[in-house]
């Protein structure tokens, strides 16, 4: 592809790497096209002020949506296969994923979530976790997450800096065959962060819909998600550098520090890593055994 479209002379991995660092705009422009990034408006140029940092601007003029690119498949192939530590397992196809994201995005819009708002989760790595992220991203919200294993003080140190509007949480989690109920922890987080207007609680460890009456501003996932089974899923078109994630440093040298990641940057870099570095195909399975407190590569 690069040889044909960019007059490169690449015969293997070493040449590709050399080209990527010597011809930076060409490489990333090629990556955009080769990966098939979906955008309502293509960029005006690949990069402005490459040698200025901070200040470099990637793909100015482009308009896209992070979630739209991740939800481009709508068939009955498996998107998620969740295996909990003990009794819980769940699967979701791409068709089901698109419909579920659409229903949740509609509910978020109805409570006033809009471009620039922060949606966060204090939750294990359940299927509902990426569904909530994608629903927020579809309407232009920015996402941040903490795993359910963190204590309230650690969550408050992180989320308290970014003033989230919506918190997704859970009744508890399993660890070494034991149940850890975190509803009191979630209550402490909500009471400490006044910007939180709505708390959506996923039932995970309970045998039936969990009791959320002890958490301020809380509603069960089942009651929050739209009853419309097939609402239209509209993707807000945003600049390449629109913030998609707020991530946090470890907090070992003071309070955790916020690190904002752009939607386009995360998208194109993940595509580069999955396509070029790991040769990942749609038939492959990615196994993530981790909590959403951490960024894993």
Foldseek 3Di string as FASTA:
>chain_A
DCCVPVVQDDDDDVSLVVCCVVVVQSNLVVLCVVLVADWPWWAPGAWDPPVDPPPIDGRPPTWDFLLCRVLVDQDFQWDDWDDAPPDDTDTDGSNRLVLQLQQLLVLCVVVPQAAAAEEEEAEWPDPVVVSNLSSSRQRHYAYEYDYVPDALVLVCLPVVVRLHAEYEYEQFGDDPNDTDGCLVRQQVNCVSRVSHQAYEYEYDPDPDFDDNVSHPRYDYPVVRGHPPRGDDRHGGIDTQFRWHYWAWDPCPPHRTDTDTGGSNVVVSVVSCCQCPVVVHDPPDDDDDDDTSNDDDD
